[in-house]
N, C-alpha and C. Protein backbone atom coordinates (compact mmCIF):
# COMPACT_ATOMS: atom_id res chain seq x y z
N UNK A 1 3.60 -37.87 -4.63
CA UNK A 1 4.47 -37.42 -3.67
C UNK A 1 3.81 -36.20 -2.76
N UNK A 2 3.84 -36.78 -1.69
CA UNK A 2 2.93 -35.65 -0.76
C UNK A 2 3.32 -34.41 -0.15
N UNK A 3 5.10 -34.70 -0.26
CA UNK A 3 5.95 -33.52 0.11
C UNK A 3 5.79 -32.32 -1.01
N UNK A 4 5.49 -32.47 -2.22
CA UNK A 4 5.41 -31.97 -3.33
C UNK A 4 4.34 -30.65 -2.59
N UNK A 5 2.95 -31.22 -2.86
CA UNK A 5 1.93 -30.80 -2.29
C UNK A 5 2.37 -29.63 -0.90
N UNK A 6 2.93 -30.00 -0.07
CA UNK A 6 3.15 -29.33 1.26
C UNK A 6 4.23 -28.69 0.79
N UNK A 7 5.57 -28.74 -0.07
CA UNK A 7 6.27 -27.91 -0.25
C UNK A 7 5.48 -26.50 -0.69
N UNK A 8 4.67 -26.75 -2.02
CA UNK A 8 4.02 -25.95 -2.86
C UNK A 8 2.91 -25.14 -2.00
N UNK A 9 2.16 -25.44 -1.04
CA UNK A 9 1.44 -24.97 0.04
C UNK A 9 2.40 -24.10 1.17
N UNK A 10 3.43 -24.33 1.43
CA UNK A 10 4.60 -23.45 2.64
C UNK A 10 4.82 -22.71 1.27
N UNK A 11 5.12 -22.51 0.06
CA UNK A 11 5.84 -21.47 -0.66
C UNK A 11 4.58 -20.45 -0.93
N UNK A 12 3.21 -20.95 -0.83
CA UNK A 12 2.33 -20.14 -1.15
C UNK A 12 2.13 -19.16 -0.16
N UNK A 13 2.45 -19.78 0.85
CA UNK A 13 1.64 -19.43 1.97
C UNK A 13 2.60 -18.11 2.47
N UNK A 14 4.25 -18.74 2.07
CA UNK A 14 5.33 -17.91 2.69
C UNK A 14 5.23 -16.73 1.43
N UNK A 15 4.85 -16.86 0.41
CA UNK A 15 4.68 -15.28 -0.46
C UNK A 15 3.57 -14.74 0.16
N UNK A 16 2.08 -15.31 0.55
CA UNK A 16 1.64 -13.88 1.28
C UNK A 16 2.02 -13.23 2.25
N UNK A 17 2.72 -13.72 3.01
CA UNK A 17 3.21 -13.29 4.53
C UNK A 17 4.35 -12.23 4.19
N UNK A 18 4.69 -12.35 3.15
CA UNK A 18 6.22 -11.33 2.62
C UNK A 18 6.03 -10.10 2.06
N UNK A 19 6.54 -9.01 2.28
CA UNK A 19 6.19 -7.64 1.56
C UNK A 19 6.43 -7.84 0.21
N UNK A 20 5.30 -7.04 -0.52
CA UNK A 20 5.44 -7.36 -1.53
C UNK A 20 6.51 -5.70 -2.22
N UNK A 21 7.85 -6.69 -2.70
CA UNK A 21 8.59 -5.58 -2.63
C UNK A 21 9.12 -4.92 -3.97
N UNK A 22 8.91 -5.76 -5.02
CA UNK A 22 8.62 -5.89 -6.83
C UNK A 22 7.61 -3.88 -6.56
N UNK A 23 6.46 -4.47 -5.81
CA UNK A 23 5.31 -3.23 -5.92
C UNK A 23 6.04 -1.90 -4.93
N UNK A 24 7.24 -2.25 -4.11
CA UNK A 24 7.22 -0.53 -3.34
C UNK A 24 8.12 0.02 -3.80
N UNK A 25 7.58 1.25 -3.73
CA UNK A 25 8.46 2.42 -4.15
C UNK A 25 8.93 3.57 -3.17
N UNK A 26 10.66 3.09 -3.38
CA UNK A 26 11.28 3.59 -2.31
C UNK A 26 11.25 5.03 -2.07
N UNK A 27 10.85 5.65 -3.78
CA UNK A 27 10.67 7.41 -3.78
C UNK A 27 9.31 7.78 -2.71
N UNK A 28 8.42 7.10 -3.16
CA UNK A 28 7.25 7.51 -2.19
C UNK A 28 7.02 7.32 -0.92
N UNK A 29 8.05 6.32 -0.64
CA UNK A 29 8.17 6.06 1.27
C UNK A 29 8.95 7.31 1.26
N UNK A 30 9.92 8.06 1.03
CA UNK A 30 10.81 8.49 0.77
C UNK A 30 9.69 9.93 1.36
N UNK A 31 9.19 10.49 0.03
CA UNK A 31 8.25 11.63 0.63
C UNK A 31 7.35 11.38 1.58
N UNK A 32 6.79 10.68 1.78
CA UNK A 32 5.75 10.35 3.02
C UNK A 32 6.28 10.04 4.17
N UNK A 33 7.74 10.11 4.22
CA UNK A 33 8.61 9.81 5.18
C UNK A 33 9.09 11.82 5.94
N UNK A 34 8.86 11.99 4.61
CA UNK A 34 9.18 13.65 4.85
C UNK A 34 8.20 13.98 5.80
N UNK A 35 7.30 13.99 5.02
CA UNK A 35 5.70 14.61 5.39
C UNK A 35 5.09 13.85 7.01
N UNK A 36 5.35 12.55 7.44
CA UNK A 36 4.73 11.98 8.90
C UNK A 36 5.97 11.40 9.90
N UNK A 37 7.34 11.32 9.37
CA UNK A 37 8.31 10.31 10.15
C UNK A 37 9.39 11.54 10.50
N UNK A 38 10.04 12.34 9.27
CA UNK A 38 11.32 12.50 9.99
C UNK A 38 11.47 13.31 11.05
N UNK A 39 10.46 14.08 11.96
CA UNK A 39 10.72 14.69 12.80
C UNK A 39 10.73 13.62 13.92
N UNK A 40 10.58 12.12 14.37
CA UNK A 40 10.99 11.33 15.15
C UNK A 40 12.26 10.86 14.94
N UNK A 41 11.97 9.95 13.57
CA UNK A 41 13.09 8.78 13.21
C UNK A 41 13.80 9.53 12.39
N UNK A 42 13.88 10.77 11.59
CA UNK A 42 14.86 11.52 10.51
C UNK A 42 14.54 10.90 9.08
N UNK A 43 14.81 11.69 8.42
CA UNK A 43 14.63 11.39 6.77
C UNK A 43 15.31 10.46 6.93
N UNK A 44 16.55 10.13 6.86
CA UNK A 44 18.09 9.21 6.60
C UNK A 44 17.81 7.65 8.12
N UNK A 45 16.62 7.94 8.75
CA UNK A 45 16.23 6.85 9.76
C UNK A 45 17.01 6.87 10.92
N UNK A 46 17.78 7.92 11.55
CA UNK A 46 18.41 8.09 12.40
C UNK A 46 17.79 8.88 13.12
N UNK A 47 16.88 8.42 14.31
CA UNK A 47 16.45 8.80 15.44
C UNK A 47 16.74 10.67 15.80
N UNK A 48 16.07 11.52 16.39
CA UNK A 48 15.65 12.46 16.61
C UNK A 48 15.60 12.79 17.65
N UNK A 49 15.09 11.94 18.31
CA UNK A 49 14.75 12.12 19.42
C UNK A 49 14.63 10.94 20.39
N UNK A 50 15.42 11.16 21.64
CA UNK A 50 15.78 9.63 22.53
C UNK A 50 14.51 8.36 22.69
N UNK A 51 13.76 8.89 22.41
CA UNK A 51 12.66 7.79 22.42
C UNK A 51 12.15 7.19 21.50
N UNK A 52 12.51 7.33 20.19
CA UNK A 52 12.16 7.28 18.64
C UNK A 52 13.37 6.17 18.51
N UNK A 53 13.38 5.08 17.96
CA UNK A 53 14.19 4.23 17.25
C UNK A 53 14.65 4.40 15.72
N UNK A 54 16.09 3.90 15.58
CA UNK A 54 16.78 3.92 14.32
C UNK A 54 16.05 3.49 13.47
N UNK A 55 15.53 3.60 12.49
CA UNK A 55 14.75 2.91 11.35
C UNK A 55 16.01 2.30 10.37
N UNK A 56 16.96 3.20 10.03
CA UNK A 56 17.44 2.60 8.69
C UNK A 56 18.07 1.48 8.70
N UNK A 57 18.36 0.96 7.57
CA UNK A 57 18.50 -0.91 7.32
C UNK A 57 17.95 -1.46 7.98
N UNK A 58 16.54 -1.34 8.48
CA UNK A 58 16.09 -2.00 9.26
C UNK A 58 15.37 -2.80 8.47
N UNK A 59 14.74 -3.87 8.54
CA UNK A 59 14.25 -5.23 8.07
C UNK A 59 13.18 -4.68 7.27
N UNK A 60 12.70 -4.61 6.34
CA UNK A 60 11.13 -4.35 5.43
C UNK A 60 9.80 -5.02 6.43
N UNK A 61 10.53 -6.52 6.65
CA UNK A 61 9.20 -6.90 7.43
C UNK A 61 9.02 -6.63 8.47
N UNK A 62 9.95 -6.33 9.26
CA UNK A 62 9.66 -5.82 11.00
C UNK A 62 9.12 -4.22 10.51
N UNK A 63 9.47 -3.59 10.08
CA UNK A 63 8.97 -2.09 9.86
C UNK A 63 7.37 -2.21 9.40
N UNK A 64 6.92 -3.09 8.37
CA UNK A 64 5.21 -3.58 7.89
C UNK A 64 4.83 -3.69 9.25
N UNK A 65 5.65 -4.93 9.99
CA UNK A 65 4.80 -5.77 10.82
C UNK A 65 4.36 -4.56 11.95
N UNK A 66 5.47 -4.11 12.17
CA UNK A 66 5.39 -2.92 13.81
C UNK A 66 4.22 -1.69 13.03
N UNK A 67 4.28 -1.31 11.90
CA UNK A 67 3.54 -0.07 11.88
C UNK A 67 1.75 -0.87 11.17
N UNK A 68 1.89 -1.83 10.84
CA UNK A 68 0.61 -2.39 11.06
C UNK A 68 0.25 -2.92 11.98
N UNK A 69 0.74 -3.29 13.38
CA UNK A 69 0.75 -3.46 14.47
C UNK A 69 -0.22 -2.31 15.54
N UNK A 70 0.60 -0.79 14.99
CA UNK A 70 0.05 0.52 15.42
C UNK A 70 -1.22 0.44 14.89
N UNK A 71 -1.39 0.30 13.70
CA UNK A 71 -2.40 0.91 12.62
C UNK A 71 -3.66 0.33 13.33
N UNK A 72 -3.50 -0.85 13.61
CA UNK A 72 -4.34 -2.07 14.31
C UNK A 72 -5.17 -1.81 15.59
N UNK A 73 -3.72 -1.57 16.17
CA UNK A 73 -4.13 -0.74 17.88
C UNK A 73 -3.43 -2.34 18.38
N UNK A 74 -3.00 -3.52 17.82
CA UNK A 74 -2.51 -4.68 18.35
C UNK A 74 -1.02 -4.51 19.44
N UNK A 75 -0.57 -2.57 18.85
CA UNK A 75 0.24 -1.83 19.72
C UNK A 75 -0.01 -1.11 19.97
N UNK A 76 0.95 -0.51 20.87
CA UNK A 76 0.19 1.24 21.12
C UNK A 76 1.44 1.73 21.70
N UNK A 77 1.26 3.15 21.33
CA UNK A 77 1.94 4.02 21.79
C UNK A 77 1.31 5.50 21.15
N UNK A 78 1.52 6.39 21.90
CA UNK A 78 0.90 7.63 22.00
C UNK A 78 1.16 8.36 20.72
N UNK A 79 2.36 8.37 19.94
CA UNK A 79 2.99 9.18 18.83
C UNK A 79 2.48 8.08 17.62
N UNK A 80 3.05 7.03 17.81
CA UNK A 80 2.52 6.30 16.24
C UNK A 80 1.57 5.52 16.15
N UNK A 81 0.57 5.32 17.31
CA UNK A 81 -0.56 4.93 17.17
C UNK A 81 -1.75 5.93 15.97
N UNK A 82 -1.47 7.41 16.53
CA UNK A 82 -2.04 8.12 15.11
C UNK A 82 -1.48 8.43 14.45
N UNK A 83 -0.35 8.06 14.09
CA UNK A 83 0.73 8.36 13.07
C UNK A 83 0.24 7.28 12.17
N UNK A 84 0.09 6.13 12.52
CA UNK A 84 -0.07 4.29 11.27
C UNK A 84 -1.39 4.44 11.56
N UNK A 85 -2.27 5.29 12.22
CA UNK A 85 -3.89 4.99 11.70
C UNK A 85 -4.20 4.93 10.59
N UNK A 86 -4.11 6.50 10.15
CA UNK A 86 -4.26 6.58 8.42
C UNK A 86 -3.40 5.96 7.17
N UNK A 87 -2.43 5.49 7.86
CA UNK A 87 -1.73 4.71 6.36
C UNK A 87 -2.50 3.73 5.82
N UNK A 88 -2.05 3.59 4.91
CA UNK A 88 -2.80 2.26 3.79
C UNK A 88 -1.90 1.16 3.71
N UNK A 89 -2.02 0.45 3.31
CA UNK A 89 -0.90 -0.77 3.26
C UNK A 89 -0.12 -0.68 2.49
N UNK A 90 -0.09 0.24 0.90
CA UNK A 90 0.71 0.66 0.30
C UNK A 90 1.32 1.23 0.70
N UNK A 91 0.89 2.72 2.23
CA UNK A 91 1.96 3.49 2.51
C UNK A 91 3.03 3.14 3.27
N UNK A 92 2.52 2.06 4.35
CA UNK A 92 3.36 1.29 4.74
C UNK A 92 4.66 0.34 3.84
N UNK A 93 4.08 0.10 2.48
CA UNK A 93 5.12 -1.07 2.27
C UNK A 93 5.98 -0.12 1.54
N UNK A 94 5.63 1.27 0.96
CA UNK A 94 6.62 2.20 0.83
C UNK A 94 7.79 2.96 1.36
N UNK A 95 6.70 2.84 3.00
CA UNK A 95 7.70 3.61 4.00
C UNK A 95 8.99 2.54 4.52
N UNK A 96 8.95 1.36 4.26
CA UNK A 96 9.20 0.07 4.83
C UNK A 96 10.05 0.24 3.81
N UNK A 97 10.39 0.56 2.23
CA UNK A 97 11.09 -0.09 1.54
C UNK A 97 11.85 1.02 1.41
N UNK A 98 11.35 2.44 1.77
CA UNK A 98 12.27 3.42 1.93
C UNK A 98 13.30 3.06 2.95
N UNK A 99 12.84 3.35 4.86
CA UNK A 99 14.02 3.03 5.37
C UNK A 99 14.83 1.55 5.29
N UNK A 100 14.49 0.75 4.62
CA UNK A 100 15.38 -0.84 4.65
C UNK A 100 16.07 -0.32 3.88
N UNK A 101 15.96 0.32 2.81
CA UNK A 101 16.97 0.27 1.46
C UNK A 101 18.14 1.28 1.88
N UNK A 102 17.65 2.50 3.02
CA UNK A 102 18.94 3.23 3.96
C UNK A 102 20.18 2.44 4.38
N UNK A 103 21.46 2.61 3.54
CA UNK A 103 22.85 1.55 4.43
C UNK A 103 23.42 1.72 5.09
N UNK A 104 23.92 1.43 5.83
CA UNK A 104 24.42 1.53 7.58
C UNK A 104 25.54 1.22 7.76
N UNK A 105 26.77 1.99 7.88
CA UNK A 105 27.87 1.32 8.08
C UNK A 105 28.42 1.51 9.19
N UNK A 106 28.97 0.60 10.26
CA UNK A 106 29.49 0.66 11.50
C UNK A 106 31.29 0.90 11.23
N UNK A 107 31.60 1.84 12.09
CA UNK A 107 33.30 1.71 12.35
C UNK A 107 33.54 1.10 13.92
N UNK A 108 34.34 -0.07 13.86
CA UNK A 108 34.62 -0.41 15.18
C UNK A 108 35.75 1.05 15.91
N UNK A 109 35.54 1.11 17.10
CA UNK A 109 36.50 1.69 17.88
C UNK A 109 38.20 1.27 17.78
N UNK A 110 39.22 1.90 17.92
CA UNK A 110 40.43 1.50 17.84
C UNK A 110 40.76 1.68 19.09
N UNK A 111 41.00 0.47 19.92
CA UNK A 111 41.68 -0.35 20.66
C UNK A 111 43.22 0.94 21.41
């Protein structure tokens, strides 16, 4: 059956593209966020300055992708390019784990 090798190949490829959540350490990510991120993004992931995005509850995959893009120069920003250039893959995974683990609750306004 040709479908089985194709599915196996697709699963293997997908596994390589997904962040390694099992190896991520949110506590280490929190400590790194305190040192590198909290001034703009807050330790709680709620931005402290108008030009910074909120990170709380954001997808781990999205955070990792963006930090790696800043680190490589694929995406550029005056502050983030400097911050991200010294982050290891492990640092990025841990930061993404921390911010993605924060739960956000929305309250609808009453009419």
